[in-house]
Amino acid sequence: MENLQELESLPDGKFLINTINAYSYNNAQKDAAFADALRGGDALLPDGMSIVMACRLIRAKSRPERRIAGWDLFISEMQRLQRKAVAEGLRKRVMFLGSSDAVLGRIAERMKTDFPMLDAITFSPPYREAFSDDDDALMLRAIHDADPDLLWIGMTAPKQEKWTYAHWRQMNVRCHVGTIGAVFDFYAGTLRRAPRWMQRCGLEWLFRLLCEPRRMWRRYILGNTEFILRMFGELYVRK
């Protein structure tokens, strides 16, 4: 996907939307299941200026005009569903699968003001490195029972993408599904987004690094360096 306008023209029905940034790209080179999950979705958004610039550098088939963050996807989809609910005079259901009950509670509360025609349905899965078969069955049942008009999955990458793709055929949904990780915390207000000027300059990664240096230094300092080296390697191969 190359621009924000394309978000407005996505087809109705069951449709999987993932995002990619330098961190997820690096991980996908080492994790075949994650790579398959990213490729197997219906749309892949460039959630990072590093991806936008790299696509231009290597002259990729898709050359995004700008970064399309998970937040952009979230707001676009929520506003579109709100407009549809108002036009039809019918309330719509939005399911949030992931994160903690505390975060989910704050999301549901904020939605009452921001999107008054949308009802939040939440499910907090157990915190485990890998889900059991019983966990999977419980989450799939929760999705089925919710019968949402929009489904958000936020378990952090690459877990959320791999889980969603592995269970895609079992998901009995008729709506858009987005894997958006940190957006849950951004919307709940438990994690701050970078100032607008940093977002516009492609420096949101720097803001997160400054806010959480101990947790983020490997991802951004080592990870960004790895990504740059991979892109120059890709450019060399293509010449």
C-alpha atoms as a PDB file:
ATOM      1  CA  MET A   1       0.000   0.000   0.000  1.00  0.00           C
ATOM      2  CA  GLU A   2       1.451   3.361  -1.033  1.00  0.00           C
ATOM      3  CA  ASN A   3      -0.731   6.157   0.395  1.00  0.00           C
ATOM      4  CA  LEU A   4      -3.406   6.980   2.949  1.00  0.00           C
ATOM      5  CA  GLN A   5      -6.105   7.304   0.304  1.00  0.00           C
ATOM      6  CA  GLU A   6      -5.858   3.591  -0.419  1.00  0.00           C
ATOM      7  CA  LEU A   7      -7.044   2.882   3.122  1.00  0.00           C
ATOM      8  CA  GLU A   8     -10.417   4.362   2.222  1.00  0.00           C
ATOM      9  CA  SER A   9     -10.843   2.040  -0.763  1.00  0.00           C
ATOM     10  CA  LEU A  10     -10.151  -1.302   0.909  1.00  0.00           C
ATOM     11  CA  PRO A  11     -12.804  -3.892   0.033  1.00  0.00           C
ATOM     12  CA  ASP A  12     -15.429  -4.957   2.549  1.00  0.00           C
ATOM     13  CA  GLY A  13     -15.426  -8.424   4.088  1.00  0.00           C
ATOM     14  CA  LYS A  14     -12.746 -10.563   5.654  1.00  0.00           C
ATOM     15  CA  PHE A  15      -9.487  -8.723   5.015  1.00  0.00           C
ATOM     16  CA  LEU A  16      -6.152  -8.983   6.872  1.00  0.00           C
ATOM     17  CA  ILE A  17      -3.970  -5.880   7.264  1.00  0.00           C
ATOM     18  CA  ASN A  18      -0.411  -6.028   8.611  1.00  0.00           C
ATOM     19  CA  THR A  19       2.298  -3.407   9.003  1.00  0.00           C
ATOM     20  CA  ILE A  20       6.043  -3.606   8.418  1.00  0.00           C
ATOM     21  CA  ASN A  21       8.971  -1.587   9.752  1.00  0.00           C
ATOM     22  CA  ALA A  22      12.728  -2.119   9.971  1.00  0.00           C
ATOM     23  CA  TYR A  23      12.376  -4.270  13.097  1.00  0.00           C
ATOM     24  CA  SER A  24       9.800  -6.605  11.576  1.00  0.00           C
ATOM     25  CA  TYR A  25      11.699  -6.768   8.286  1.00  0.00           C
ATOM     26  CA  ASN A  26      14.855  -7.893  10.094  1.00  0.00           C
ATOM     27  CA  ASN A  27      12.923 -10.496  12.047  1.00  0.00           C
ATOM     28  CA  ALA A  28      11.223 -11.802   8.919  1.00  0.00           C
ATOM     29  CA  GLN A  29      14.625 -12.539   7.378  1.00  0.00           C
ATOM     30  CA  LYS A  30      15.327 -14.957  10.233  1.00  0.00           C
ATOM     31  CA  ASP A  31      11.803 -16.283  10.878  1.00  0.00           C
ATOM     32  CA  ALA A  32      10.142 -18.006   7.922  1.00  0.00           C
ATOM     33  CA  ALA A  33       6.779 -18.245   9.695  1.00  0.00           C
ATOM     34  CA  PHE A  34       6.788 -14.505  10.303  1.00  0.00           C
ATOM     35  CA  ALA A  35       7.749 -13.810   6.676  1.00  0.00           C
ATOM     36  CA  ASP A  36       4.886 -16.042   5.505  1.00  0.00           C
ATOM     37  CA  ALA A  37       2.477 -14.194   7.804  1.00  0.00           C
ATOM     38  CA  LEU A  38       3.470 -10.792   6.420  1.00  0.00           C
ATOM     39  CA  ARG A  39       3.282 -11.973   2.816  1.00  0.00           C
ATOM     40  CA  GLY A  40       0.056 -13.860   3.434  1.00  0.00           C
ATOM     41  CA  GLY A  41      -2.006 -10.844   4.504  1.00  0.00           C
ATOM     42  CA  ASP A  42      -4.203  -8.875   2.129  1.00  0.00           C
ATOM     43  CA  ALA A  43      -2.447  -5.534   2.702  1.00  0.00           C
ATOM     44  CA  LEU A  44       0.953  -4.552   4.103  1.00  0.00           C
ATOM     45  CA  LEU A  45       1.467  -0.989   5.342  1.00  0.00           C
ATOM     46  CA  PRO A  46       4.888   0.755   5.471  1.00  0.00           C
ATOM     47  CA  ASP A  47       4.944   1.622   9.177  1.00  0.00           C
ATOM     48  CA  GLY A  48       8.347   3.314   9.177  1.00  0.00           C
ATOM     49  CA  MET A  49      10.278   5.895   7.184  1.00  0.00           C
ATOM     50  CA  SER A  50      13.045   3.316   6.899  1.00  0.00           C
ATOM     51  CA  ILE A  51      10.743   1.152   4.766  1.00  0.00           C
ATOM     52  CA  VAL A  52       9.630   4.124   2.636  1.00  0.00           C
ATOM     53  CA  MET A  53      13.220   5.205   1.937  1.00  0.00           C
ATOM     54  CA  ALA A  54      14.439   1.659   1.360  1.00  0.00           C
ATOM     55  CA  CYS A  55      11.733   1.023  -1.252  1.00  0.00           C
ATOM     56  CA  ARG A  56      12.936   4.094  -3.127  1.00  0.00           C
ATOM     57  CA  LEU A  57      16.599   3.154  -2.738  1.00  0.00           C
ATOM     58  CA  ILE A  58      16.257  -0.344  -4.167  1.00  0.00           C
ATOM     59  CA  ARG A  59      13.578   0.730  -6.684  1.00  0.00           C
ATOM     60  CA  ALA A  60      11.038  -1.748  -5.332  1.00  0.00           C
ATOM     61  CA  LYS A  61       7.832  -2.466  -7.237  1.00  0.00           C
ATOM     62  CA  SER A  62       5.873  -0.698  -4.507  1.00  0.00           C
ATOM     63  CA  ARG A  63       7.217   2.749  -3.571  1.00  0.00           C
ATOM     64  CA  PRO A  64       5.126   4.257  -0.761  1.00  0.00           C
ATOM     65  CA  GLU A  65       4.631   7.996  -0.854  1.00  0.00           C
ATOM     66  CA  ARG A  66       4.877   8.231   2.915  1.00  0.00           C
ATOM     67  CA  ARG A  67       4.782   6.241   6.103  1.00  0.00           C
ATOM     68  CA  ILE A  68       1.407   4.707   6.983  1.00  0.00           C
ATOM     69  CA  ALA A  69       1.561   3.921  10.687  1.00  0.00           C
ATOM     70  CA  GLY A  70      -0.562   1.445  12.578  1.00  0.00           C
ATOM     71  CA  TRP A  71      -2.143   4.493  14.213  1.00  0.00           C
ATOM     72  CA  ASP A  72      -3.182   5.831  10.789  1.00  0.00           C
ATOM     73  CA  LEU A  73      -4.822   2.498  10.005  1.00  0.00           C
ATOM     74  CA  PHE A  74      -6.597   2.448  13.361  1.00  0.00           C
ATOM     75  CA  ILE A  75      -8.042   5.950  13.038  1.00  0.00           C
ATOM     76  CA  SER A  76      -9.051   5.435   9.402  1.00  0.00           C
ATOM     77  CA  GLU A  77     -10.888   2.184  10.102  1.00  0.00           C
ATOM     78  CA  MET A  78     -12.571   3.441  13.269  1.00  0.00           C
ATOM     79  CA  GLN A  79     -13.784   6.628  11.597  1.00  0.00           C
ATOM     80  CA  ARG A  80     -15.073   4.697   8.598  1.00  0.00           C
ATOM     81  CA  LEU A  81     -17.020   2.283  10.807  1.00  0.00           C
ATOM     82  CA  GLN A  82     -18.386   5.166  12.888  1.00  0.00           C
ATOM     83  CA  ARG A  83     -19.652   6.872   9.717  1.00  0.00           C
ATOM     84  CA  LYS A  84     -21.268   3.642   8.580  1.00  0.00           C
ATOM     85  CA  ALA A  85     -22.959   3.147  11.951  1.00  0.00           C
ATOM     86  CA  VAL A  86     -24.351   6.696  11.870  1.00  0.00           C
ATOM     87  CA  ALA A  87     -25.561   6.342   8.275  1.00  0.00           C
ATOM     88  CA  GLU A  88     -27.327   3.042   9.019  1.00  0.00           C
ATOM     89  CA  GLY A  89     -28.552   4.041  12.468  1.00  0.00           C
ATOM     90  CA  LEU A  90     -27.109   0.784  13.838  1.00  0.00           C
ATOM     91  CA  ARG A  91     -24.422   0.324  16.462  1.00  0.00           C
ATOM     92  CA  LYS A  92     -21.282  -1.575  15.411  1.00  0.00           C
ATOM     93  CA  ARG A  93     -18.981  -3.879  17.351  1.00  0.00           C
ATOM     94  CA  VAL A  94     -15.210  -3.464  17.542  1.00  0.00           C
ATOM     95  CA  MET A  95     -13.196  -6.259  19.138  1.00  0.00           C
ATOM     96  CA  PHE A  96      -9.792  -5.758  20.742  1.00  0.00           C
ATOM     97  CA  LEU A  97      -7.858  -9.001  21.254  1.00  0.00           C
ATOM     98  CA  GLY A  98      -4.657  -8.592  23.235  1.00  0.00           C
ATOM     99  CA  SER A  99      -3.025  -6.533  25.984  1.00  0.00           C
ATOM    100  CA  SER A 100      -4.127  -6.356  29.625  1.00  0.00           C
ATOM    101  CA  ASP A 101      -7.574  -5.860  31.099  1.00  0.00           C
ATOM    102  CA  ALA A 102      -6.440  -2.467  32.423  1.00  0.00           C
ATOM    103  CA  VAL A 103      -5.428  -1.231  28.956  1.00  0.00           C
ATOM    104  CA  LEU A 104      -8.537  -2.699  27.353  1.00  0.00           C
ATOM    105  CA  GLY A 105     -10.716  -0.978  29.937  1.00  0.00           C
ATOM    106  CA  ARG A 106      -9.185   2.402  29.095  1.00  0.00           C
ATOM    107  CA  ILE A 107      -9.715   1.762  25.389  1.00  0.00           C
ATOM    108  CA  ALA A 108     -13.385   0.956  25.921  1.00  0.00           C
ATOM    109  CA  GLU A 109     -13.875   4.054  28.051  1.00  0.00           C
ATOM    110  CA  ARG A 110     -12.231   6.408  25.548  1.00  0.00           C
ATOM    111  CA  MET A 111     -14.264   4.945  22.693  1.00  0.00           C
ATOM    112  CA  LYS A 112     -17.496   6.083  24.335  1.00  0.00           C
ATOM    113  CA  THR A 113     -16.457   9.665  23.616  1.00  0.00           C
ATOM    114  CA  ASP A 114     -14.495   9.290  20.385  1.00  0.00           C
ATOM    115  CA  PHE A 115     -16.757   6.784  18.622  1.00  0.00           C
ATOM    116  CA  PRO A 116     -20.168   6.857  20.334  1.00  0.00           C
ATOM    117  CA  MET A 117     -21.812   4.480  17.824  1.00  0.00           C
ATOM    118  CA  LEU A 118     -19.173   1.773  18.317  1.00  0.00           C
ATOM    119  CA  ASP A 119     -19.216  -0.805  21.131  1.00  0.00           C
ATOM    120  CA  ALA A 120     -15.914  -2.212  22.385  1.00  0.00           C
ATOM    121  CA  ILE A 121     -15.652  -5.966  22.974  1.00  0.00           C
ATOM    122  CA  THR A 122     -12.388  -6.947  24.633  1.00  0.00           C
ATOM    123  CA  PHE A 123     -10.469 -10.110  25.380  1.00  0.00           C
ATOM    124  CA  SER A 124      -7.148 -10.278  27.217  1.00  0.00           C
ATOM    125  CA  PRO A 125      -5.287 -13.496  26.338  1.00  0.00           C
ATOM    126  CA  PRO A 126      -2.938 -15.155  28.829  1.00  0.00           C
ATOM    127  CA  TYR A 127       0.610 -13.809  28.957  1.00  0.00           C
ATOM    128  CA  ARG A 128       2.666 -16.682  27.597  1.00  0.00           C
ATOM    129  CA  GLU A 129       5.547 -16.972  25.169  1.00  0.00           C
ATOM    130  CA  ALA A 130       3.490 -19.492  23.210  1.00  0.00           C
ATOM    131  CA  PHE A 131      -0.231 -20.151  23.453  1.00  0.00           C
ATOM    132  CA  SER A 132      -1.571 -23.618  24.179  1.00  0.00           C
ATOM    133  CA  ASP A 133      -4.226 -25.311  22.046  1.00  0.00           C
ATOM    134  CA  ASP A 134      -6.742 -24.456  24.751  1.00  0.00           C
ATOM    135  CA  ASP A 135      -5.688 -20.797  24.616  1.00  0.00           C
ATOM    136  CA  ASP A 136      -6.127 -20.764  20.835  1.00  0.00           C
ATOM    137  CA  ALA A 137      -9.563 -22.346  21.087  1.00  0.00           C
ATOM    138  CA  LEU A 138     -10.618 -19.836  23.749  1.00  0.00           C
ATOM    139  CA  MET A 139      -9.559 -16.845  21.623  1.00  0.00           C
ATOM    140  CA  LEU A 140     -11.205 -18.188  18.499  1.00  0.00           C
ATOM    141  CA  ARG A 141     -14.403 -18.798  20.439  1.00  0.00           C
ATOM    142  CA  ALA A 142     -14.294 -15.245  21.798  1.00  0.00           C
ATOM    143  CA  ILE A 143     -13.957 -13.880  18.253  1.00  0.00           C
ATOM    144  CA  HIS A 144     -16.794 -16.065  17.018  1.00  0.00           C
ATOM    145  CA  ASP A 145     -19.090 -15.051  19.880  1.00  0.00           C
ATOM    146  CA  ALA A 146     -18.286 -11.347  19.409  1.00  0.00           C
ATOM    147  CA  ASP A 147     -19.085 -11.429  15.692  1.00  0.00           C
ATOM    148  CA  PRO A 148     -17.265  -8.080  15.303  1.00  0.00           C
ATOM    149  CA  ASP A 149     -17.581  -5.481  12.569  1.00  0.00           C
ATOM    150  CA  LEU A 150     -13.880  -4.723  13.045  1.00  0.00           C
ATOM    151  CA  LEU A 151     -11.191  -6.765  14.790  1.00  0.00           C
ATOM    152  CA  TRP A 152      -7.912  -5.453  16.213  1.00  0.00           C
ATOM    153  CA  ILE A 153      -5.175  -7.814  17.394  1.00  0.00           C
ATOM    154  CA  GLY A 154      -2.424  -6.435  19.608  1.00  0.00           C
ATOM    155  CA  MET A 155       0.052  -8.961  20.970  1.00  0.00           C
ATOM    156  CA  THR A 156       3.289  -7.274  19.698  1.00  0.00           C
ATOM    157  CA  ALA A 157       5.210  -8.389  16.621  1.00  0.00           C
ATOM    158  CA  PRO A 158       5.886 -11.046  15.473  1.00  0.00           C
ATOM    159  CA  LYS A 159       3.522 -12.933  17.773  1.00  0.00           C
ATOM    160  CA  GLN A 160       0.344 -11.171  16.618  1.00  0.00           C
ATOM    161  CA  GLU A 161       1.006 -11.633  12.903  1.00  0.00           C
ATOM    162  CA  LYS A 162       2.019 -15.276  13.245  1.00  0.00           C
ATOM    163  CA  TRP A 163      -0.953 -16.154  15.439  1.00  0.00           C
ATOM    164  CA  THR A 164      -3.447 -14.386  13.185  1.00  0.00           C
ATOM    165  CA  TYR A 165      -2.097 -15.947  10.000  1.00  0.00           C
ATOM    166  CA  ALA A 166      -1.914 -19.436  11.545  1.00  0.00           C
ATOM    167  CA  HIS A 167      -5.591 -19.226  12.539  1.00  0.00           C
ATOM    168  CA  TRP A 168      -6.906 -17.146   9.645  1.00  0.00           C
ATOM    169  CA  ARG A 169      -8.993 -19.912   8.120  1.00  0.00           C
ATOM    170  CA  GLN A 170     -10.499 -20.738  11.506  1.00  0.00           C
ATOM    171  CA  MET A 171     -11.534 -17.144  12.181  1.00  0.00           C
ATOM    172  CA  ASN A 172     -15.230 -16.898  11.525  1.00  0.00           C
ATOM    173  CA  VAL A 173     -15.281 -13.163  10.761  1.00  0.00           C
ATOM    174  CA  ARG A 174     -16.673 -10.963   7.995  1.00  0.00           C
ATOM    175  CA  CYS A 175     -14.648  -7.840   8.703  1.00  0.00           C
ATOM    176  CA  HIS A 176     -11.277  -6.159   8.461  1.00  0.00           C
ATOM    177  CA  VAL A 177      -8.638  -7.496  10.845  1.00  0.00           C
ATOM    178  CA  GLY A 178      -5.599  -5.408  11.751  1.00  0.00           C
ATOM    179  CA  THR A 179      -2.481  -6.385  13.701  1.00  0.00           C
ATOM    180  CA  ILE A 180      -1.487  -3.139  15.390  1.00  0.00           C
ATOM    181  CA  GLY A 181       0.520  -3.925  18.557  1.00  0.00           C
ATOM    182  CA  ALA A 182       1.512  -0.715  20.357  1.00  0.00           C
ATOM    183  CA  VAL A 183      -1.559   1.165  19.084  1.00  0.00           C
ATOM    184  CA  PHE A 184      -3.526  -0.401  21.934  1.00  0.00           C
ATOM    185  CA  ASP A 185      -1.264   1.412  24.411  1.00  0.00           C
ATOM    186  CA  PHE A 186      -1.194   4.626  22.381  1.00  0.00           C
ATOM    187  CA  TYR A 187      -4.973   4.829  22.309  1.00  0.00           C
ATOM    188  CA  ALA A 188      -5.311   3.841  25.965  1.00  0.00           C
ATOM    189  CA  GLY A 189      -2.809   6.553  26.908  1.00  0.00           C
ATOM    190  CA  THR A 190      -0.460   4.126  28.643  1.00  0.00           C
ATOM    191  CA  LEU A 191       2.284   4.795  26.074  1.00  0.00           C
ATOM    192  CA  ARG A 192       3.051   8.226  24.623  1.00  0.00           C
ATOM    193  CA  ARG A 193       3.431   8.848  20.904  1.00  0.00           C
ATOM    194  CA  ALA A 194       6.185  11.110  19.655  1.00  0.00           C
ATOM    195  CA  PRO A 195       5.396  14.800  19.067  1.00  0.00           C
ATOM    196  CA  ARG A 196       3.884  15.542  15.666  1.00  0.00           C
ATOM    197  CA  TRP A 197       7.077  17.135  14.337  1.00  0.00           C
ATOM    198  CA  MET A 198       9.060  13.984  15.138  1.00  0.00           C
ATOM    199  CA  GLN A 199       6.426  11.837  13.439  1.00  0.00           C
ATOM    200  CA  ARG A 200       6.550  14.028  10.332  1.00  0.00           C
ATOM    201  CA  CYS A 201      10.350  13.815  10.226  1.00  0.00           C
ATOM    202  CA  GLY A 202      10.344  10.032  10.604  1.00  0.00           C
ATOM    203  CA  LEU A 203      11.872  10.206  14.084  1.00  0.00           C
ATOM    204  CA  GLU A 204       9.245   8.400  16.144  1.00  0.00           C
ATOM    205  CA  TRP A 205      11.758   5.592  16.626  1.00  0.00           C
ATOM    206  CA  LEU A 206      14.150   8.088  18.287  1.00  0.00           C
ATOM    207  CA  PHE A 207      11.437   9.247  20.664  1.00  0.00           C
ATOM    208  CA  ARG A 208      10.733   5.675  21.745  1.00  0.00           C
ATOM    209  CA  LEU A 209      14.450   5.051  22.165  1.00  0.00           C
ATOM    210  CA  LEU A 210      14.815   8.131  24.383  1.00  0.00           C
ATOM    211  CA  CYS A 211      11.760   7.137  26.438  1.00  0.00           C
ATOM    212  CA  GLU A 212      12.777   3.482  26.887  1.00  0.00           C
ATOM    213  CA  PRO A 213      16.547   3.227  26.209  1.00  0.00           C
ATOM    214  CA  ARG A 214      17.121  -0.027  28.100  1.00  0.00           C
ATOM    215  CA  ARG A 215      14.319  -1.847  26.302  1.00  0.00           C
ATOM    216  CA  MET A 216      14.676  -0.282  22.859  1.00  0.00           C
ATOM    217  CA  TRP A 217      18.417   0.157  22.233  1.00  0.00           C
ATOM    218  CA  ARG A 218      18.853  -3.230  20.609  1.00  0.00           C
ATOM    219  CA  ARG A 219      15.832  -2.757  18.351  1.00  0.00           C
ATOM    220  CA  TYR A 220      16.775   0.709  17.141  1.00  0.00           C
ATOM    221  CA  ILE A 221      20.562   0.996  17.346  1.00  0.00           C
ATOM    222  CA  LEU A 222      21.529  -2.535  16.366  1.00  0.00           C
ATOM    223  CA  GLY A 223      18.331  -3.192  14.409  1.00  0.00           C
ATOM    224  CA  ASN A 224      18.464  -0.038  12.297  1.00  0.00           C
ATOM    225  CA  THR A 225      22.122  -0.697  11.505  1.00  0.00           C
ATOM    226  CA  GLU A 226      21.261  -4.245  10.461  1.00  0.00           C
ATOM    227  CA  PHE A 227      18.430  -2.961   8.273  1.00  0.00           C
ATOM    228  CA  ILE A 228      20.658  -0.431   6.497  1.00  0.00           C
ATOM    229  CA  LEU A 229      23.267  -3.111   5.779  1.00  0.00           C
ATOM    230  CA  ARG A 230      20.557  -5.433   4.444  1.00  0.00           C
ATOM    231  CA  MET A 231      19.230  -2.713   2.141  1.00  0.00           C
ATOM    232  CA  PHE A 232      22.654  -1.927   0.700  1.00  0.00           C
ATOM    233  CA  GLY A 233      23.147  -5.665   0.220  1.00  0.00           C
ATOM    234  CA  GLU A 234      19.829  -5.820  -1.624  1.00  0.00           C
ATOM    235  CA  LEU A 235      20.832  -2.850  -3.778  1.00  0.00           C
ATOM    236  CA  TYR A 236      24.127  -4.543  -4.679  1.00  0.00           C
ATOM    237  CA  VAL A 237      22.347  -7.760  -5.677  1.00  0.00           C
ATOM    238  CA  ARG A 238      19.903  -5.860  -7.888  1.00  0.00           C
ATOM    239  CA  LYS A 239      22.628  -4.018  -9.824  1.00  0.00           C
END
